[in-house]
Amino acid sequence: MIFDNAFRTILERAPELVVMMINEAFHTDYSFDEPVMQCRNEHVTKAG
């Protein structure tokens, strides 16, 4: 649950960090230029 809340916060406040987090968690090497499609639900709202 703590991870879920932290991940939601990152998605809302710093979406540019998502690729770095995925690379670290899953040992991948995606470019920071990769497009990130965010599918929102009742737990994640669009910031701004």
N, C-alpha and C. Protein backbone atom coordinates (compact mmCIF):
# COMPACT_ATOMS: atom_id res chain seq x y z
N MET A 1 0.82 -1.19 0.00
CA MET A 1 0.00 0.00 0.00
C MET A 1 0.87 1.26 0.00
N ILE A 2 1.96 1.24 0.74
CA ILE A 2 2.84 2.41 0.76
C ILE A 2 3.41 2.65 -0.63
N PHE A 3 3.82 1.57 -1.31
CA PHE A 3 4.36 1.70 -2.67
C PHE A 3 3.30 2.27 -3.60
N ASP A 4 2.07 1.80 -3.49
CA ASP A 4 0.98 2.31 -4.34
C ASP A 4 0.82 3.82 -4.18
N ASN A 5 0.80 4.28 -2.96
CA ASN A 5 0.65 5.72 -2.71
C ASN A 5 1.84 6.51 -3.24
N ALA A 6 3.04 5.98 -3.06
CA ALA A 6 4.24 6.66 -3.56
C ALA A 6 4.22 6.72 -5.08
N PHE A 7 3.85 5.62 -5.73
CA PHE A 7 3.81 5.58 -7.19
C PHE A 7 2.76 6.55 -7.73
N ARG A 8 1.60 6.60 -7.11
CA ARG A 8 0.56 7.55 -7.54
C ARG A 8 1.05 8.99 -7.42
N THR A 9 1.74 9.28 -6.33
CA THR A 9 2.26 10.63 -6.13
C THR A 9 3.27 10.98 -7.21
N ILE A 10 4.16 10.04 -7.53
CA ILE A 10 5.14 10.29 -8.60
C ILE A 10 4.42 10.52 -9.92
N LEU A 11 3.42 9.72 -10.24
CA LEU A 11 2.68 9.90 -11.50
C LEU A 11 2.03 11.27 -11.58
N GLU A 12 1.50 11.73 -10.47
CA GLU A 12 0.80 13.01 -10.47
C GLU A 12 1.74 14.20 -10.45
N ARG A 13 2.81 14.13 -9.68
CA ARG A 13 3.66 15.30 -9.46
C ARG A 13 4.94 15.33 -10.28
N ALA A 14 5.43 14.17 -10.69
CA ALA A 14 6.69 14.13 -11.44
C ALA A 14 6.65 13.00 -12.48
N PRO A 15 5.77 13.09 -13.45
CA PRO A 15 5.64 12.00 -14.43
C PRO A 15 6.93 11.74 -15.21
N GLU A 16 7.82 12.73 -15.28
CA GLU A 16 9.07 12.53 -16.01
C GLU A 16 9.98 11.50 -15.31
N LEU A 17 9.72 11.18 -14.05
CA LEU A 17 10.52 10.20 -13.32
C LEU A 17 10.04 8.76 -13.49
N VAL A 18 8.91 8.58 -14.15
CA VAL A 18 8.33 7.24 -14.29
C VAL A 18 9.26 6.30 -15.05
N VAL A 19 9.84 6.77 -16.15
CA VAL A 19 10.72 5.91 -16.95
C VAL A 19 11.93 5.48 -16.11
N MET A 20 12.51 6.40 -15.36
CA MET A 20 13.66 6.07 -14.52
C MET A 20 13.26 5.03 -13.46
N MET A 21 12.10 5.19 -12.89
CA MET A 21 11.64 4.25 -11.86
C MET A 21 11.40 2.86 -12.46
N ILE A 22 10.80 2.81 -13.64
CA ILE A 22 10.55 1.52 -14.31
C ILE A 22 11.88 0.85 -14.65
N ASN A 23 12.83 1.62 -15.18
CA ASN A 23 14.14 1.05 -15.50
C ASN A 23 14.80 0.44 -14.26
N GLU A 24 14.72 1.13 -13.15
CA GLU A 24 15.34 0.64 -11.92
C GLU A 24 14.62 -0.59 -11.37
N ALA A 25 13.30 -0.55 -11.35
CA ALA A 25 12.53 -1.64 -10.77
C ALA A 25 12.57 -2.92 -11.60
N PHE A 26 12.60 -2.79 -12.93
CA PHE A 26 12.50 -3.96 -13.80
C PHE A 26 13.78 -4.23 -14.59
N HIS A 27 14.85 -3.54 -14.25
CA HIS A 27 16.15 -3.74 -14.90
C HIS A 27 16.04 -3.62 -16.42
N THR A 28 15.36 -2.57 -16.86
CA THR A 28 15.21 -2.29 -18.28
C THR A 28 16.05 -1.06 -18.62
N ASP A 29 16.08 -0.71 -19.88
CA ASP A 29 16.90 0.42 -20.32
C ASP A 29 16.11 1.29 -21.30
N TYR A 30 14.91 1.70 -20.90
CA TYR A 30 14.11 2.57 -21.76
C TYR A 30 14.73 3.96 -21.79
N SER A 31 14.61 4.61 -22.93
CA SER A 31 15.10 5.97 -23.08
C SER A 31 14.17 6.92 -22.35
N PHE A 32 14.72 8.03 -21.87
CA PHE A 32 13.88 9.01 -21.19
C PHE A 32 12.96 9.74 -22.17
N ASP A 33 13.19 9.54 -23.47
CA ASP A 33 12.34 10.13 -24.49
C ASP A 33 11.13 9.27 -24.83
N GLU A 34 11.02 8.09 -24.21
CA GLU A 34 9.90 7.20 -24.47
C GLU A 34 8.59 7.88 -24.09
N PRO A 35 7.59 7.76 -24.96
CA PRO A 35 6.29 8.33 -24.58
C PRO A 35 5.66 7.52 -23.45
N VAL A 36 5.06 8.20 -22.51
CA VAL A 36 4.41 7.54 -21.38
C VAL A 36 2.92 7.86 -21.46
N MET A 37 2.11 6.84 -21.66
CA MET A 37 0.66 7.02 -21.71
C MET A 37 0.10 6.75 -20.32
N GLN A 38 -0.54 7.73 -19.76
CA GLN A 38 -1.10 7.57 -18.42
C GLN A 38 -2.60 7.33 -18.53
N CYS A 39 -3.03 6.17 -18.09
CA CYS A 39 -4.45 5.83 -18.05
C CYS A 39 -4.94 6.11 -16.64
N ARG A 40 -5.80 7.06 -16.52
CA ARG A 40 -6.27 7.49 -15.20
C ARG A 40 -7.43 6.62 -14.73
N ASN A 41 -7.54 6.49 -13.42
CA ASN A 41 -8.69 5.83 -12.82
C ASN A 41 -9.13 6.62 -11.60
N GLU A 42 -9.92 6.04 -10.76
CA GLU A 42 -10.45 6.80 -9.62
C GLU A 42 -9.37 7.13 -8.59
N HIS A 43 -8.21 6.47 -8.68
CA HIS A 43 -7.15 6.71 -7.70
C HIS A 43 -6.13 7.73 -8.19
N VAL A 44 -6.06 7.95 -9.49
CA VAL A 44 -5.07 8.85 -10.06
C VAL A 44 -5.80 9.95 -10.80
N THR A 45 -5.57 11.18 -10.41
CA THR A 45 -6.23 12.30 -11.06
C THR A 45 -5.21 13.10 -11.84
N LYS A 46 -5.67 13.83 -12.82
CA LYS A 46 -4.75 14.64 -13.62
C LYS A 46 -4.40 15.89 -12.84
N ALA A 47 -3.11 16.06 -12.59
CA ALA A 47 -2.64 17.24 -11.88
C ALA A 47 -2.64 18.44 -12.81
N GLY A 48 -2.94 19.60 -12.28
CA GLY A 48 -2.87 20.84 -13.06
C GLY A 48 -4.12 21.08 -13.77
